[in-house]
Amino acid sequence: MLSGKWTYRSFVNDQGLVGDDAQKALNLIFGEGVFTFTESGPGRFHGTLDMGQNYVLNLSGEVRHDGPRSPESYHIIGEGVAGSPTAGWRYDYQCARGYHWPDGIDQIPSLVGTVVRVKAHGPQSPAGVTASFIAVHQSKSAPA
């Protein structure tokens, strides 16, 4: 399962190259924070995405199997916390584990996926916006 803490970063899907422009690369970051996941039953988990400064989403997730030859994937719903800056927010996440290379050195478990803003939150944040994301486990050992 996904139990534990994962460093999360999402990125604007911009086709342009950044070259050696460090600021252009930083501007691609859509969001950053820490996923914390706990198993809550067979094929289910819950947790939070903490982005700092009281920007927190409550997460609920499920493990999905799209077929006998398909890798396990994860669907996560992130909902804002009442009384916080995220009140009324909703984001959906779909991801899978990054490939684990048999001969990889010091490989850290990762999640790779996409996120969509389901509910608008202000005129500058419309529903339907998507981004790609990666999350890396905060321990070098495989999560439980």
Protein backbone atom coordinates (compact mmCIF):
# COMPACT_ATOMS: atom_id res chain seq x y z
CA MET A 1 0.00 0.00 0.00
CA LEU A 2 1.05 3.65 0.04
CA SER A 3 1.35 4.17 3.80
CA GLY A 4 3.73 6.90 4.89
CA LYS A 5 4.83 10.35 3.78
CA TRP A 6 5.54 11.31 0.17
CA THR A 7 7.05 14.58 -1.11
CA TYR A 8 4.57 15.86 -3.73
CA ARG A 9 5.19 18.23 -6.63
CA SER A 10 2.84 19.02 -9.49
CA PHE A 11 3.85 20.72 -12.70
CA VAL A 12 2.16 22.86 -15.34
CA ASN A 13 2.00 20.87 -18.57
CA ASP A 14 3.99 23.25 -20.78
CA GLN A 15 5.56 21.78 -23.93
CA GLY A 16 8.30 24.41 -24.08
CA LEU A 17 11.86 23.68 -23.05
CA VAL A 18 13.33 25.68 -20.17
CA GLY A 19 16.98 25.43 -21.25
CA ASP A 20 19.18 27.04 -18.62
CA ASP A 21 16.45 29.45 -17.42
CA ALA A 22 16.09 28.45 -13.75
CA GLN A 23 13.17 30.84 -13.17
CA LYS A 24 11.25 29.38 -16.12
CA ALA A 25 11.76 25.91 -14.61
CA LEU A 26 10.54 27.07 -11.16
CA ASN A 27 7.47 28.67 -12.76
CA LEU A 28 6.40 25.20 -13.91
CA ILE A 29 5.69 24.11 -10.31
CA PHE A 30 1.91 24.05 -9.89
CA GLY A 31 1.86 22.83 -6.28
CA GLU A 32 4.07 21.29 -3.62
CA GLY A 33 3.51 19.60 -0.31
CA VAL A 34 3.49 16.33 1.59
CA PHE A 35 1.09 13.46 0.99
CA THR A 36 0.51 11.41 4.15
CA PHE A 37 -1.31 8.12 3.54
CA THR A 38 -2.72 5.54 5.95
CA GLU A 39 -4.43 2.30 4.97
CA SER A 40 -8.13 2.36 5.91
CA GLY A 41 -9.35 -1.04 4.69
CA PRO A 42 -8.85 -3.46 1.84
CA GLY A 43 -7.97 -1.42 -1.25
CA ARG A 44 -8.67 1.89 0.50
CA PHE A 45 -6.59 4.59 2.13
CA HIS A 46 -6.94 8.12 3.46
CA GLY A 47 -4.68 10.97 4.44
CA THR A 48 -3.80 14.59 3.79
CA LEU A 49 -1.93 16.79 1.37
CA ASP A 50 -0.26 19.50 3.47
CA MET A 51 0.99 22.41 1.37
CA GLY A 52 1.94 24.58 4.36
CA GLN A 53 0.37 27.74 5.82
CA ASN A 54 -2.89 25.91 6.64
CA TYR A 55 -3.40 24.81 3.00
CA VAL A 56 -4.48 21.20 3.58
CA LEU A 57 -6.64 18.77 1.62
CA ASN A 58 -8.23 15.71 3.19
CA LEU A 59 -7.61 12.70 0.97
CA SER A 60 -9.56 9.51 0.35
CA GLY A 61 -8.29 6.94 -2.08
CA GLU A 62 -8.78 3.56 -3.61
CA VAL A 63 -6.57 1.02 -5.32
CA ARG A 64 -7.68 0.20 -8.87
CA HIS A 65 -6.96 -2.77 -11.08
CA ASP A 66 -7.95 -2.12 -14.69
CA GLY A 67 -7.29 -5.66 -15.86
CA PRO A 68 -5.21 -8.76 -15.21
CA ARG A 69 -2.17 -7.34 -17.02
CA SER A 70 -2.54 -3.75 -15.86
CA PRO A 71 -0.42 -2.39 -13.05
CA GLU A 72 -2.09 -1.28 -9.86
CA SER A 73 -3.17 2.37 -9.93
CA TYR A 74 -4.54 4.76 -7.34
CA HIS A 75 -7.46 7.18 -7.49
CA ILE A 76 -7.40 9.92 -4.85
CA ILE A 77 -9.95 12.61 -4.05
CA GLY A 78 -8.67 15.70 -2.22
CA GLU A 79 -11.21 17.93 -0.52
CA GLY A 80 -10.62 21.25 1.21
CA VAL A 81 -10.97 21.69 4.96
CA ALA A 82 -13.85 23.82 6.28
CA GLY A 83 -12.66 27.04 7.91
CA SER A 84 -9.31 26.94 6.08
CA PRO A 85 -8.05 28.58 2.86
CA THR A 86 -8.90 25.32 1.04
CA ALA A 87 -12.59 25.27 2.04
CA GLY A 88 -14.68 24.23 -0.99
CA TRP A 89 -11.72 22.95 -3.02
CA ARG A 90 -11.68 19.57 -4.74
CA TYR A 91 -8.90 17.95 -6.72
CA ASP A 92 -8.81 14.42 -8.17
CA TYR A 93 -5.55 12.52 -8.59
CA GLN A 94 -4.80 9.43 -10.68
CA CYS A 95 -1.40 7.78 -10.40
CA ALA A 96 0.66 4.61 -10.45
CA ARG A 97 3.98 3.62 -8.96
CA GLY A 98 7.04 4.65 -10.92
CA TYR A 99 8.84 1.70 -12.47
CA HIS A 100 11.31 0.04 -10.09
CA TRP A 101 14.49 -0.72 -12.04
CA PRO A 102 15.93 -4.13 -11.07
CA ASP A 103 19.50 -2.79 -11.22
CA GLY A 104 18.67 0.73 -10.01
CA ILE A 105 20.98 2.23 -7.37
CA ASP A 106 19.41 3.95 -4.34
CA GLN A 107 16.08 4.17 -6.16
CA ILE A 108 13.37 5.85 -4.10
CA PRO A 109 9.78 4.64 -4.55
CA SER A 110 7.74 7.14 -6.56
CA LEU A 111 4.22 7.85 -7.74
CA VAL A 112 3.60 9.39 -11.16
CA GLY A 113 0.28 10.79 -12.27
CA THR A 114 -2.02 13.66 -13.13
CA VAL A 115 -4.32 15.92 -11.15
CA VAL A 116 -7.42 17.89 -12.15
CA ARG A 117 -9.06 20.79 -10.32
CA VAL A 118 -12.66 19.62 -10.00
CA LYS A 119 -14.10 22.73 -8.33
CA ALA A 120 -13.15 26.30 -9.17
CA HIS A 121 -11.86 28.40 -6.32
CA GLY A 122 -11.76 31.96 -7.52
CA PRO A 123 -11.56 33.55 -10.97
CA GLN A 124 -7.85 32.73 -11.32
CA SER A 125 -8.42 29.04 -10.45
CA PRO A 126 -11.04 27.55 -12.81
CA ALA A 127 -12.26 23.96 -12.71
CA GLY A 128 -10.78 21.61 -15.29
CA VAL A 129 -7.15 22.72 -15.00
CA THR A 130 -4.80 19.75 -15.10
CA ALA A 131 -1.18 19.16 -14.13
CA SER A 132 1.25 16.27 -13.95
CA PHE A 133 2.74 15.22 -10.63
CA ILE A 134 5.37 13.10 -9.02
CA ALA A 135 5.67 12.08 -5.39
CA VAL A 136 8.67 10.39 -3.81
CA HIS A 137 8.53 8.37 -0.62
CA GLN A 138 10.29 10.07 2.28
CA SER A 139 12.16 6.88 3.17
CA LYS A 140 14.66 5.02 1.00
CA SER A 141 13.01 1.72 1.90
CA ALA A 142 9.86 0.60 0.16
CA PRO A 143 6.64 1.73 1.89
CA ALA A 144 4.49 -0.76 3.73
